[in-house]
C-alpha atoms as a PDB file:
ATOM      1  CA  MET A   1     294.113 -47.203 246.331  1.00  0.00           C
ATOM      2  CA  ILE A   2     294.547 -48.981 242.991  1.00  0.00           C
ATOM      3  CA  LYS A   3     294.875 -52.278 244.845  1.00  0.00           C
ATOM      4  CA  SER A   4     291.534 -51.780 246.529  1.00  0.00           C
ATOM      5  CA  SER A   5     289.996 -50.769 243.180  1.00  0.00           C
ATOM      6  CA  ILE A   6     291.183 -54.022 241.594  1.00  0.00           C
ATOM      7  CA  ASN A   7     289.995 -55.990 244.633  1.00  0.00           C
ATOM      8  CA  CYS A   8     286.628 -54.245 244.282  1.00  0.00           C
ATOM      9  CA  ILE A   9     286.397 -55.485 240.677  1.00  0.00           C
ATOM     10  CA  ASN A  10     287.175 -59.016 241.858  1.00  0.00           C
ATOM     11  CA  ARG A  11     284.518 -58.786 244.580  1.00  0.00           C
ATOM     12  CA  ILE A  12     281.940 -57.666 242.005  1.00  0.00           C
ATOM     13  CA  VAL A  13     282.836 -60.688 239.842  1.00  0.00           C
ATOM     14  CA  LEU A  14     282.397 -63.064 242.794  1.00  0.00           C
ATOM     15  CA  LYS A  15     279.192 -61.366 243.923  1.00  0.00           C
ATOM     16  CA  ASN A  16     277.620 -61.713 240.493  1.00  0.00           C
ATOM     17  CA  SER A  17     278.994 -65.161 239.676  1.00  0.00           C
ATOM     18  CA  ARG A  18     275.689 -66.853 240.458  1.00  0.00           C
ATOM     19  CA  SER A  19     273.580 -64.421 238.494  1.00  0.00           C
ATOM     20  CA  LEU A  20     275.989 -64.621 235.573  1.00  0.00           C
ATOM     21  CA  CYS A  21     275.257 -68.323 235.344  1.00  0.00           C
ATOM     22  CA  ARG A  22     271.504 -67.798 234.995  1.00  0.00           C
ATOM     23  CA  LEU A  23     271.243 -67.442 231.258  1.00  0.00           C
ATOM     24  CA  ASN A  24     267.663 -68.474 230.548  1.00  0.00           C
ATOM     25  CA  THR A  25     266.944 -66.539 227.370  1.00  0.00           C
ATOM     26  CA  ILE A  26     263.218 -66.081 226.670  1.00  0.00           C
ATOM     27  CA  LYS A  27     262.005 -66.828 223.170  1.00  0.00           C
ATOM     28  CA  SER A  28     258.518 -65.794 222.084  1.00  0.00           C
ATOM     29  CA  ASN A  29     257.295 -65.663 218.478  1.00  0.00           C
ATOM     30  CA  ASN A  30     260.912 -65.546 217.233  1.00  0.00           C
ATOM     31  CA  GLU A  31     261.522 -62.343 219.142  1.00  0.00           C
ATOM     32  CA  LEU A  32     263.792 -61.516 222.034  1.00  0.00           C
ATOM     33  CA  ARG A  33     261.952 -59.854 224.895  1.00  0.00           C
ATOM     34  CA  TYR A  34     263.671 -57.550 227.370  1.00  0.00           C
ATOM     35  CA  PHE A  35     262.887 -57.526 231.060  1.00  0.00           C
ATOM     36  CA  SER A  36     264.227 -55.595 234.009  1.00  0.00           C
ATOM     37  CA  THR A  37     265.778 -57.711 236.757  1.00  0.00           C
ATOM     38  CA  SER A  38     264.215 -57.994 240.188  1.00  0.00           C
ATOM     39  CA  SER A  39     266.813 -55.565 241.541  1.00  0.00           C
ATOM     40  CA  THR A  40     265.679 -52.782 239.211  1.00  0.00           C
ATOM     41  CA  SER A  41     262.620 -50.605 239.465  1.00  0.00           C
ATOM     42  CA  THR A  42     262.007 -50.071 235.751  1.00  0.00           C
ATOM     43  CA  SER A  43     258.265 -49.925 235.067  1.00  0.00           C
ATOM     44  CA  THR A  44     256.498 -51.772 232.252  1.00  0.00           C
ATOM     45  CA  SER A  45     256.162 -48.602 230.190  1.00  0.00           C
ATOM     46  CA  GLU A  46     259.842 -47.758 230.710  1.00  0.00           C
ATOM     47  CA  ALA A  47     260.871 -51.256 229.638  1.00  0.00           C
ATOM     48  CA  ALA A  48     258.713 -50.895 226.535  1.00  0.00           C
ATOM     49  CA  THR A  49     260.407 -47.563 225.810  1.00  0.00           C
ATOM     50  CA  ALA A  50     263.792 -49.206 226.215  1.00  0.00           C
ATOM     51  CA  ASN A  51     262.808 -51.956 223.792  1.00  0.00           C
ATOM     52  CA  LYS A  52     261.612 -49.406 221.250  1.00  0.00           C
ATOM     53  CA  ALA A  53     264.780 -47.327 221.630  1.00  0.00           C
ATOM     54  CA  ASN A  54     266.822 -50.432 220.991  1.00  0.00           C
ATOM     55  CA  ASP A  55     265.245 -51.107 217.604  1.00  0.00           C
ATOM     56  CA  LYS A  56     268.694 -51.334 216.015  1.00  0.00           C
ATOM     57  CA  ILE A  57     269.116 -54.785 217.481  1.00  0.00           C
ATOM     58  CA  SER A  58     267.936 -57.607 215.270  1.00  0.00           C
ATOM     59  CA  SER A  59     265.186 -59.716 216.827  1.00  0.00           C
ATOM     60  CA  LYS A  60     264.988 -62.623 214.395  1.00  0.00           C
ATOM     61  CA  SER A  61     266.107 -66.003 215.624  1.00  0.00           C
ATOM     62  CA  SER A  62     268.850 -67.764 213.684  1.00  0.00           C
ATOM     63  CA  GLY A  63     267.955 -71.210 214.991  1.00  0.00           C
ATOM     64  CA  LYS A  64     271.561 -71.709 216.118  1.00  0.00           C
ATOM     65  CA  PHE A  65     272.798 -72.526 219.577  1.00  0.00           C
ATOM     66  CA  LYS A  66     275.733 -71.235 221.597  1.00  0.00           C
ATOM     67  CA  THR A  67     277.382 -73.012 224.494  1.00  0.00           C
ATOM     68  CA  LEU A  68     277.086 -70.927 227.651  1.00  0.00           C
ATOM     69  CA  MET A  69     277.549 -71.434 231.365  1.00  0.00           C
ATOM     70  CA  SER A  70     274.880 -73.557 233.011  1.00  0.00           C
ATOM     71  CA  SER A  71     272.123 -72.042 235.092  1.00  0.00           C
ATOM     72  CA  SER A  72     272.564 -74.766 237.687  1.00  0.00           C
ATOM     73  CA  ARG A  73     276.276 -75.090 238.323  1.00  0.00           C
ATOM     74  CA  VAL A  74     279.391 -73.028 237.541  1.00  0.00           C
ATOM     75  CA  GLY A  75     281.550 -74.682 234.899  1.00  0.00           C
ATOM     76  CA  GLU A  76     278.736 -76.936 233.629  1.00  0.00           C
ATOM     77  CA  GLU A  77     277.604 -76.237 230.083  1.00  0.00           C
ATOM     78  CA  GLU A  78     274.304 -76.324 228.265  1.00  0.00           C
ATOM     79  CA  SER A  79     272.985 -75.139 224.912  1.00  0.00           C
ATOM     80  CA  ILE A  80     270.478 -72.300 224.812  1.00  0.00           C
ATOM     81  CA  PRO A  81     268.972 -70.365 221.885  1.00  0.00           C
ATOM     82  CA  TYR A  82     271.298 -67.824 220.293  1.00  0.00           C
ATOM     83  CA  PHE A  83     269.728 -65.018 218.309  1.00  0.00           C
ATOM     84  CA  ALA A  84     271.155 -63.424 215.169  1.00  0.00           C
ATOM     85  CA  GLY A  85     272.325 -59.839 215.286  1.00  0.00           C
ATOM     86  CA  GLU A  86     274.440 -57.941 217.782  1.00  0.00           C
ATOM     87  CA  ALA A  87     273.599 -55.366 220.407  1.00  0.00           C
ATOM     88  CA  LEU A  88     274.914 -52.047 219.103  1.00  0.00           C
ATOM     89  CA  LEU A  89     276.621 -50.047 221.835  1.00  0.00           C
ATOM     90  CA  ASP A  90     276.469 -46.794 219.872  1.00  0.00           C
ATOM     91  CA  GLY A  91     272.814 -46.572 220.895  1.00  0.00           C
ATOM     92  CA  ILE A  92     273.775 -46.061 224.544  1.00  0.00           C
ATOM     93  CA  ARG A  93     273.727 -42.381 225.491  1.00  0.00           C
ATOM     94  CA  GLY A  94     276.688 -40.989 227.374  1.00  0.00           C
ATOM     95  CA  ASP A  95     274.549 -38.895 229.743  1.00  0.00           C
ATOM     96  CA  GLY A  96     273.384 -41.955 231.674  1.00  0.00           C
ATOM     97  CA  THR A  97     269.742 -41.769 230.555  1.00  0.00           C
ATOM     98  CA  SER A  98     269.663 -45.056 228.609  1.00  0.00           C
ATOM     99  CA  LEU A  99     267.512 -47.644 230.361  1.00  0.00           C
ATOM    100  CA  ARG A 100     268.776 -51.143 231.013  1.00  0.00           C
ATOM    101  CA  TRP A 101     267.078 -52.996 228.162  1.00  0.00           C
ATOM    102  CA  TYR A 102     268.544 -56.470 228.755  1.00  0.00           C
ATOM    103  CA  LYS A 103     267.767 -59.129 231.348  1.00  0.00           C
ATOM    104  CA  ASP A 104     270.490 -61.784 231.209  1.00  0.00           C
ATOM    105  CA  VAL A 105     274.261 -61.378 231.158  1.00  0.00           C
ATOM    106  CA  GLY A 106     276.779 -64.038 230.230  1.00  0.00           C
ATOM    107  CA  TYR A 107     279.604 -64.907 227.869  1.00  0.00           C
ATOM    108  CA  SER A 108     280.524 -67.407 225.175  1.00  0.00           C
ATOM    109  CA  TYR A 109     283.760 -68.903 223.885  1.00  0.00           C
ATOM    110  CA  ASP A 110     284.810 -69.508 220.287  1.00  0.00           C
ATOM    111  CA  PRO A 111     287.430 -72.298 220.118  1.00  0.00           C
ATOM    112  CA  ASP A 112     288.318 -71.401 216.523  1.00  0.00           C
ATOM    113  CA  THR A 113     289.476 -67.875 217.363  1.00  0.00           C
ATOM    114  CA  LYS A 114     290.145 -68.626 221.061  1.00  0.00           C
ATOM    115  CA  SER A 115     288.124 -65.558 221.967  1.00  0.00           C
ATOM    116  CA  TYR A 116     285.571 -64.827 224.677  1.00  0.00           C
ATOM    117  CA  PHE A 117     282.490 -62.687 224.068  1.00  0.00           C
ATOM    118  CA  PRO A 118     280.378 -60.901 226.704  1.00  0.00           C
ATOM    119  CA  LEU A 119     276.687 -61.425 225.958  1.00  0.00           C
ATOM    120  CA  LEU A 120     273.537 -59.457 226.755  1.00  0.00           C
ATOM    121  CA  ASP A 121     270.424 -61.600 226.378  1.00  0.00           C
ATOM    122  CA  GLY A 122     272.494 -64.050 224.359  1.00  0.00           C
ATOM    123  CA  ARG A 123     273.718 -61.390 221.912  1.00  0.00           C
ATOM    124  CA  LYS A 124     277.264 -60.357 221.208  1.00  0.00           C
ATOM    125  CA  LEU A 125     278.089 -56.680 221.503  1.00  0.00           C
ATOM    126  CA  LYS A 126     279.214 -54.450 218.658  1.00  0.00           C
ATOM    127  CA  THR A 127     281.362 -51.418 219.450  1.00  0.00           C
ATOM    128  CA  THR A 128     280.868 -47.905 218.113  1.00  0.00           C
ATOM    129  CA  GLY A 129     283.663 -48.690 215.641  1.00  0.00           C
ATOM    130  CA  GLY A 130     281.671 -51.600 214.218  1.00  0.00           C
ATOM    131  CA  ASN A 131     283.813 -54.356 215.783  1.00  0.00           C
ATOM    132  CA  ILE A 132     282.572 -57.336 217.776  1.00  0.00           C
ATOM    133  CA  LEU A 133     283.498 -56.981 221.455  1.00  0.00           C
ATOM    134  CA  SER A 134     285.803 -59.916 222.239  1.00  0.00           C
ATOM    135  CA  VAL A 135     288.634 -60.574 224.684  1.00  0.00           C
ATOM    136  CA  PRO A 136     291.445 -63.149 224.786  1.00  0.00           C
ATOM    137  CA  ASN A 137     290.904 -64.633 228.259  1.00  0.00           C
ATOM    138  CA  LYS A 138     288.185 -65.823 230.620  1.00  0.00           C
ATOM    139  CA  GLU A 139     289.166 -63.651 233.592  1.00  0.00           C
ATOM    140  CA  LEU A 140     288.630 -60.461 231.638  1.00  0.00           C
ATOM    141  CA  VAL A 141     285.306 -61.447 230.068  1.00  0.00           C
ATOM    142  CA  ILE A 142     283.884 -62.412 233.488  1.00  0.00           C
ATOM    143  CA  ALA A 143     284.919 -59.045 234.913  1.00  0.00           C
ATOM    144  CA  MET A 144     283.332 -57.251 231.954  1.00  0.00           C
ATOM    145  CA  ALA A 145     280.145 -59.276 232.281  1.00  0.00           C
ATOM    146  CA  ALA A 146     280.042 -58.392 235.987  1.00  0.00           C
ATOM    147  CA  GLU A 147     280.017 -54.698 235.047  1.00  0.00           C
ATOM    148  CA  TRP A 148     276.978 -55.204 232.816  1.00  0.00           C
ATOM    149  CA  GLN A 149     275.282 -57.293 235.504  1.00  0.00           C
ATOM    150  CA  SER A 150     275.820 -54.541 238.107  1.00  0.00           C
ATOM    151  CA  VAL A 151     273.861 -52.036 235.978  1.00  0.00           C
ATOM    152  CA  ARG A 152     270.556 -51.215 237.646  1.00  0.00           C
ATOM    153  CA  LYS A 153     267.890 -48.974 236.097  1.00  0.00           C
ATOM    154  CA  TYR A 154     270.075 -46.800 233.855  1.00  0.00           C
ATOM    155  CA  ILE A 155     273.266 -47.615 231.935  1.00  0.00           C
ATOM    156  CA  GLN A 156     276.003 -45.268 233.129  1.00  0.00           C
ATOM    157  CA  VAL A 157     279.045 -45.552 230.892  1.00  0.00           C
ATOM    158  CA  SER A 158     281.326 -44.318 233.677  1.00  0.00           C
ATOM    159  CA  ARG A 159     280.497 -47.480 235.622  1.00  0.00           C
ATOM    160  CA  LEU A 160     281.733 -49.720 232.808  1.00  0.00           C
ATOM    161  CA  PRO A 161     285.467 -48.864 232.955  1.00  0.00           C
ATOM    162  CA  LEU A 162     286.756 -52.259 231.849  1.00  0.00           C
ATOM    163  CA  ASN A 163     284.389 -52.335 228.887  1.00  0.00           C
ATOM    164  CA  GLN A 164     285.443 -48.813 227.901  1.00  0.00           C
ATOM    165  CA  THR A 165     289.117 -49.774 228.085  1.00  0.00           C
ATOM    166  CA  VAL A 166     288.631 -52.905 225.976  1.00  0.00           C
ATOM    167  CA  ILE A 167     286.536 -51.046 223.394  1.00  0.00           C
ATOM    168  CA  THR A 168     289.309 -48.447 223.034  1.00  0.00           C
ATOM    169  CA  CYS A 169     291.847 -51.253 222.490  1.00  0.00           C
ATOM    170  CA  ILE A 170     289.672 -52.891 219.832  1.00  0.00           C
ATOM    171  CA  ASP A 171     288.577 -49.783 217.920  1.00  0.00           C
ATOM    172  CA  ILE A 172     291.936 -48.025 217.671  1.00  0.00           C
ATOM    173  CA  LYS A 173     293.270 -47.693 214.120  1.00  0.00           C
ATOM    174  CA  LYS A 174     296.740 -47.283 212.678  1.00  0.00           C
ATOM    175  CA  GLU A 175     296.503 -43.487 212.781  1.00  0.00           C
ATOM    176  CA  GLY A 176     295.550 -43.688 216.438  1.00  0.00           C
ATOM    177  CA  ARG A 177     298.507 -45.966 217.190  1.00  0.00           C
ATOM    178  CA  ASN A 178     300.914 -43.550 215.561  1.00  0.00           C
ATOM    179  CA  LYS A 179     299.447 -40.667 217.545  1.00  0.00           C
ATOM    180  CA  LEU A 180     299.841 -42.533 220.839  1.00  0.00           C
ATOM    181  CA  ILE A 181     303.473 -43.354 220.111  1.00  0.00           C
ATOM    182  CA  GLU A 182     304.126 -39.744 219.122  1.00  0.00           C
ATOM    183  CA  GLU A 183     302.606 -38.552 222.412  1.00  0.00           C
ATOM    184  CA  PHE A 184     304.843 -40.917 224.374  1.00  0.00           C
ATOM    185  CA  ILE A 185     307.954 -39.615 222.612  1.00  0.00           C
ATOM    186  CA  ASN A 186     306.980 -35.924 222.874  1.00  0.00           C
ATOM    187  CA  HIS A 187     306.376 -36.188 226.616  1.00  0.00           C
ATOM    188  CA  LEU A 188     309.716 -37.836 227.377  1.00  0.00           C
ATOM    189  CA  GLY A 189     311.359 -34.425 227.607  1.00  0.00           C
ATOM    190  CA  THR A 190     309.009 -33.349 230.413  1.00  0.00           C
ATOM    191  CA  ASP A 191     308.814 -36.634 232.293  1.00  0.00           C
ATOM    192  CA  PRO A 192     308.717 -35.668 236.006  1.00  0.00           C
ATOM    193  CA  VAL A 193     311.024 -38.571 236.912  1.00  0.00           C
ATOM    194  CA  CYS A 194     313.754 -36.932 234.823  1.00  0.00           C
ATOM    195  CA  TYR A 195     313.078 -33.413 236.084  1.00  0.00           C
ATOM    196  CA  ARG A 196     314.262 -32.435 239.576  1.00  0.00           C
ATOM    197  CA  GLU A 197     314.345 -29.554 242.006  1.00  0.00           C
ATOM    198  CA  SER A 198     317.678 -27.716 241.675  1.00  0.00           C
ATOM    199  CA  ARG A 199     317.832 -26.699 245.349  1.00  0.00           C
ATOM    200  CA  GLU A 200     318.676 -28.938 248.270  1.00  0.00           C
ATOM    201  CA  ASN A 201     315.420 -29.106 250.224  1.00  0.00           C
ATOM    202  CA  LYS A 202     312.802 -31.612 251.326  1.00  0.00           C
ATOM    203  CA  LEU A 203     311.173 -31.705 247.886  1.00  0.00           C
ATOM    204  CA  GLY A 204     314.520 -32.589 246.307  1.00  0.00           C
ATOM    205  CA  SER A 205     314.995 -35.349 248.887  1.00  0.00           C
ATOM    206  CA  LEU A 206     311.561 -36.785 248.127  1.00  0.00           C
ATOM    207  CA  GLN A 207     312.293 -36.756 244.400  1.00  0.00           C
ATOM    208  CA  LYS A 208     315.520 -38.670 244.960  1.00  0.00           C
ATOM    209  CA  GLN A 209     313.768 -41.150 247.226  1.00  0.00           C
ATOM    210  CA  TYR A 210     310.992 -41.944 244.741  1.00  0.00           C
ATOM    211  CA  TYR A 211     312.476 -41.168 241.340  1.00  0.00           C
ATOM    212  CA  ASP A 212     316.084 -42.370 241.487  1.00  0.00           C
ATOM    213  CA  PRO A 213     315.129 -46.096 241.568  1.00  0.00           C
ATOM    214  CA  MET A 214     312.649 -45.569 238.714  1.00  0.00           C
ATOM    215  CA  MET A 215     315.196 -43.769 236.569  1.00  0.00           C
ATOM    216  CA  GLU A 216     317.832 -46.401 237.284  1.00  0.00           C
ATOM    217  CA  PHE A 217     315.438 -49.178 236.278  1.00  0.00           C
ATOM    218  CA  GLY A 218     314.535 -47.402 233.029  1.00  0.00           C
ATOM    219  CA  SER A 219     318.193 -46.899 232.148  1.00  0.00           C
ATOM    220  CA  LYS A 220     318.981 -50.591 232.709  1.00  0.00           C
ATOM    221  CA  TYR A 221     315.816 -51.647 230.884  1.00  0.00           C
ATOM    222  CA  TYR A 222     316.801 -49.861 227.655  1.00  0.00           C
ATOM    223  CA  GLY A 223     320.563 -50.034 228.119  1.00  0.00           C
ATOM    224  CA  ILE A 224     321.056 -46.244 227.868  1.00  0.00           C
ATOM    225  CA  PRO A 225     320.852 -43.752 230.758  1.00  0.00           C
ATOM    226  CA  PHE A 226     318.066 -41.181 230.816  1.00  0.00           C
ATOM    227  CA  PHE A 227     319.049 -37.506 230.983  1.00  0.00           C
ATOM    228  CA  LEU A 228     318.435 -35.781 234.315  1.00  0.00           C
ATOM    229  CA  ALA A 229     317.338 -32.128 234.088  1.00  0.00           C
ATOM    230  CA  THR A 230     317.152 -29.501 236.813  1.00  0.00           C
ATOM    231  CA  GLY A 231     315.863 -25.950 237.064  1.00  0.00           C
ATOM    232  CA  LEU A 232     314.360 -24.693 233.801  1.00  0.00           C
ATOM    233  CA  GLU A 233     315.986 -27.366 231.635  1.00  0.00           C
ATOM    234  CA  THR A 234     314.103 -30.006 229.715  1.00  0.00           C
ATOM    235  CA  SER A 235     315.306 -33.584 229.552  1.00  0.00           C
ATOM    236  CA  ASP A 236     317.371 -33.909 226.372  1.00  0.00           C
ATOM    237  CA  HIS A 237     317.563 -37.682 226.141  1.00  0.00           C
ATOM    238  CA  PRO A 238     320.095 -39.383 223.827  1.00  0.00           C
ATOM    239  CA  PRO A 239     318.711 -40.025 220.301  1.00  0.00           C
ATOM    240  CA  LYS A 240     319.537 -43.741 220.625  1.00  0.00           C
ATOM    241  CA  LEU A 241     317.380 -43.972 223.736  1.00  0.00           C
ATOM    242  CA  VAL A 242     314.454 -42.166 222.088  1.00  0.00           C
ATOM    243  CA  LYS A 243     314.670 -44.499 219.079  1.00  0.00           C
ATOM    244  CA  ALA A 244     314.843 -47.559 221.338  1.00  0.00           C
ATOM    245  CA  ILE A 245     311.695 -46.466 223.189  1.00  0.00           C
ATOM    246  CA  LYS A 246     309.890 -45.748 219.921  1.00  0.00           C
ATOM    247  CA  ASP A 247     310.833 -49.157 218.487  1.00  0.00           C
ATOM    248  CA  HIS A 248     309.716 -50.798 221.712  1.00  0.00           C
ATOM    249  CA  LEU A 249     306.313 -49.107 221.599  1.00  0.00           C
ATOM    250  CA  GLU A 250     305.855 -50.036 217.939  1.00  0.00           C
ATOM    251  CA  SER A 251     306.507 -53.703 218.781  1.00  0.00           C
ATOM    252  CA  MET A 252     303.509 -53.768 221.145  1.00  0.00           C
ATOM    253  CA  ASN A 253     300.020 -54.769 220.075  1.00  0.00           C
ATOM    254  CA  ASN A 254     297.023 -52.451 220.386  1.00  0.00           C
ATOM    255  CA  TRP A 255     296.022 -53.796 223.794  1.00  0.00           C
ATOM    256  CA  GLU A 256     299.423 -53.229 225.365  1.00  0.00           C
ATOM    257  CA  LEU A 257     299.953 -49.823 223.775  1.00  0.00           C
ATOM    258  CA  VAL A 258     296.512 -48.429 224.648  1.00  0.00           C
ATOM    259  CA  CYS A 259     296.573 -49.665 228.242  1.00  0.00           C
ATOM    260  CA  LEU A 260     300.050 -48.243 228.850  1.00  0.00           C
ATOM    261  CA  GLN A 261     298.958 -44.920 227.357  1.00  0.00           C
ATOM    262  CA  LEU A 262     295.863 -44.777 229.574  1.00  0.00           C
ATOM    263  CA  ILE A 263     298.036 -45.362 232.636  1.00  0.00           C
ATOM    264  CA  ALA A 264     300.626 -42.823 231.479  1.00  0.00           C
ATOM    265  CA  SER A 265     297.932 -40.189 230.903  1.00  0.00           C
ATOM    266  CA  SER A 266     297.091 -40.425 234.623  1.00  0.00           C
ATOM    267  CA  CYS A 267     300.665 -40.868 235.866  1.00  0.00           C
ATOM    268  CA  LYS A 268     301.954 -38.079 233.589  1.00  0.00           C
ATOM    269  CA  SER A 269     305.104 -40.160 233.236  1.00  0.00           C
ATOM    270  CA  PHE A 270     306.362 -42.936 230.966  1.00  0.00           C
ATOM    271  CA  LEU A 271     308.890 -44.115 233.554  1.00  0.00           C
ATOM    272  CA  ILE A 272     306.310 -44.318 236.357  1.00  0.00           C
ATOM    273  CA  THR A 273     304.074 -46.337 234.018  1.00  0.00           C
ATOM    274  CA  LEU A 274     306.921 -48.710 233.177  1.00  0.00           C
ATOM    275  CA  ASN A 275     307.864 -49.189 236.839  1.00  0.00           C
ATOM    276  CA  LEU A 276     304.242 -49.686 237.846  1.00  0.00           C
ATOM    277  CA  TYR A 277     303.772 -52.379 235.220  1.00  0.00           C
ATOM    278  CA  TYR A 278     306.842 -54.296 236.430  1.00  0.00           C
ATOM    279  CA  GLY A 279     305.818 -54.003 240.075  1.00  0.00           C
ATOM    280  CA  ASN A 280     308.582 -51.639 241.186  1.00  0.00           C
ATOM    281  CA  ILE A 281     306.124 -49.243 242.833  1.00  0.00           C
ATOM    282  CA  ARG A 282     304.205 -50.146 245.964  1.00  0.00           C
ATOM    283  CA  LEU A 283     300.513 -49.623 245.339  1.00  0.00           C
ATOM    284  CA  ASP A 284     300.071 -47.726 248.607  1.00  0.00           C
ATOM    285  CA  GLN A 285     302.811 -45.333 247.492  1.00  0.00           C
ATOM    286  CA  LEU A 286     301.561 -44.900 243.920  1.00  0.00           C
ATOM    287  CA  TYR A 287     299.881 -41.516 244.328  1.00  0.00           C
ATOM    288  CA  ASN A 288     302.835 -40.162 246.329  1.00  0.00           C
ATOM    289  CA  SER A 289     305.048 -41.086 243.365  1.00  0.00           C
ATOM    290  CA  ILE A 290     302.717 -39.447 240.856  1.00  0.00           C
ATOM    291  CA  ALA A 291     301.996 -36.231 242.779  1.00  0.00           C
ATOM    292  CA  ILE A 292     305.139 -35.569 244.798  1.00  0.00           C
ATOM    293  CA  GLU A 293     304.936 -31.785 244.471  1.00  0.00           C
ATOM    294  CA  GLU A 294     301.205 -31.688 245.290  1.00  0.00           C
ATOM    295  CA  GLU A 295     301.697 -33.847 248.365  1.00  0.00           C
ATOM    296  CA  TYR A 296     304.677 -31.714 249.397  1.00  0.00           C
ATOM    297  CA  GLN A 297     302.599 -28.540 249.137  1.00  0.00           C
ATOM    298  CA  ALA A 298     299.696 -30.172 250.985  1.00  0.00           C
ATOM    299  CA  GLU A 299     302.017 -31.156 253.821  1.00  0.00           C
ATOM    300  CA  MET A 300     303.259 -27.594 254.100  1.00  0.00           C
ATOM    301  CA  TRP A 301     299.987 -25.675 253.708  1.00  0.00           C
ATOM    302  CA  GLY A 302     297.334 -28.269 254.444  1.00  0.00           C
ATOM    303  CA  ARG A 303     295.076 -30.452 252.349  1.00  0.00           C
ATOM    304  CA  ILE A 304     292.036 -29.029 250.563  1.00  0.00           C
ATOM    305  CA  PRO A 305     288.843 -30.890 251.586  1.00  0.00           C
ATOM    306  CA  PHE A 306     287.301 -32.656 248.599  1.00  0.00           C
ATOM    307  CA  GLY A 307     290.334 -31.599 246.587  1.00  0.00           C
ATOM    308  CA  HIS A 308     293.493 -33.625 247.160  1.00  0.00           C
ATOM    309  CA  ASP A 309     291.620 -36.704 248.379  1.00  0.00           C
ATOM    310  CA  LEU A 310     289.258 -36.743 245.381  1.00  0.00           C
ATOM    311  CA  ALA A 311     292.199 -36.258 243.001  1.00  0.00           C
ATOM    312  CA  GLU A 312     293.852 -39.320 244.529  1.00  0.00           C
ATOM    313  CA  CYS A 313     290.694 -41.417 244.181  1.00  0.00           C
ATOM    314  CA  GLU A 314     290.205 -40.254 240.601  1.00  0.00           C
ATOM    315  CA  THR A 315     293.789 -41.168 239.711  1.00  0.00           C
ATOM    316  CA  HIS A 316     293.408 -44.661 241.165  1.00  0.00           C
ATOM    317  CA  ASN A 317     290.094 -45.173 239.360  1.00  0.00           C
ATOM    318  CA  GLU A 318     291.678 -44.146 236.045  1.00  0.00           C
ATOM    319  CA  ILE A 319     294.689 -46.444 236.457  1.00  0.00           C
ATOM    320  CA  ALA A 320     292.933 -49.549 237.806  1.00  0.00           C
ATOM    321  CA  PRO A 321     291.020 -50.656 234.630  1.00  0.00           C
ATOM    322  CA  PRO A 322     293.921 -50.587 232.113  1.00  0.00           C
ATOM    323  CA  LEU A 323     296.282 -52.096 234.710  1.00  0.00           C
ATOM    324  CA  PHE A 324     293.756 -54.882 235.359  1.00  0.00           C
ATOM    325  CA  VAL A 325     293.531 -55.563 231.616  1.00  0.00           C
ATOM    326  CA  LEU A 326     297.323 -55.712 231.300  1.00  0.00           C
ATOM    327  CA  ARG A 327     297.521 -58.151 234.210  1.00  0.00           C
ATOM    328  CA  THR A 328     295.260 -60.589 232.343  1.00  0.00           C
ATOM    329  CA  LEU A 329     297.353 -60.461 229.156  1.00  0.00           C
ATOM    330  CA  LYS A 330     300.714 -61.956 228.282  1.00  0.00           C
ATOM    331  CA  PRO A 331     303.805 -59.907 229.301  1.00  0.00           C
ATOM    332  CA  ILE A 332     304.682 -57.028 227.000  1.00  0.00           C
ATOM    333  CA  PRO A 333     307.626 -57.669 224.640  1.00  0.00           C
ATOM    334  CA  LEU A 334     311.058 -56.688 225.894  1.00  0.00           C
ATOM    335  CA  PRO A 335     312.992 -53.945 224.071  1.00  0.00           C
ATOM    336  CA  LYS A 336     315.750 -54.937 221.681  1.00  0.00           C
ATOM    337  CA  GLN A 337     319.252 -54.818 223.072  1.00  0.00           C
ATOM    338  CA  ILE A 338     321.094 -51.688 221.952  1.00  0.00           C
ATOM    339  CA  LYS A 339     324.607 -52.216 220.684  1.00  0.00           C
END
């Protein structure tokens, strides 16, 4: 369940809250040394290999200090050495063979930009797009830091879902924004909420039960009714409605647009995404709303072991990170009223 996935993230944050406060950076001969934590089994030679592989990271001290969380009490602050240069994330291999090269995990806050930065051994992180990894609120940066703290011997990118989501939001460019909006518009005609079974049967009843409230909400939200298609038709929505949705998407910032697109790519529906964001879908009924036909077929012919259940878990795991990010941000802008 997506609710349990989000709760799991919160539990990880609480579990690692003490270790996140222990930010004793080690300075020796103006160099930053990397150590494995007590929970890892990385050998001395492996740690040395990790240090060598991470030669992109600058090791010279800047002599400056950053205010971080205290090692003695949560919320208390102290100044510790901050080293120049950022940790470059493009050096992490996607096959999960990169060793954990850092010891301490934490975060810092810049009052000038009102931004929070996750830190590894006191260093900010730089994305593959060359941008500094920063977030607008404390809740999100703690959750991201908890992901880095939970890494054991090897860095597995798949176990850093919040960091991946945030990096996508930060690195997206104008061309990428336009492509996302175009995908939203192109898929409106095949939105499953607007496409129904033409015959009167149990599947049609389930579609009415789940989809009618979603479609009604979307029509009221934009002020124009969505077109309902049956049989082999495609949903030919009114041009005014399509333009209103496009204008609404263009009014969103990168964070809102990317997170909604990530959810929609798993839901396969813009209207389900919109209803999920506004809390119109019960979390324990989310997968039933997304995969009505699959669940209908499974009820008739039986569930495939390690098939339907894994698909449900995968869907929840894909939706949880971007939904969590959206929950920490300000509400998305409302669409303009159509005259």
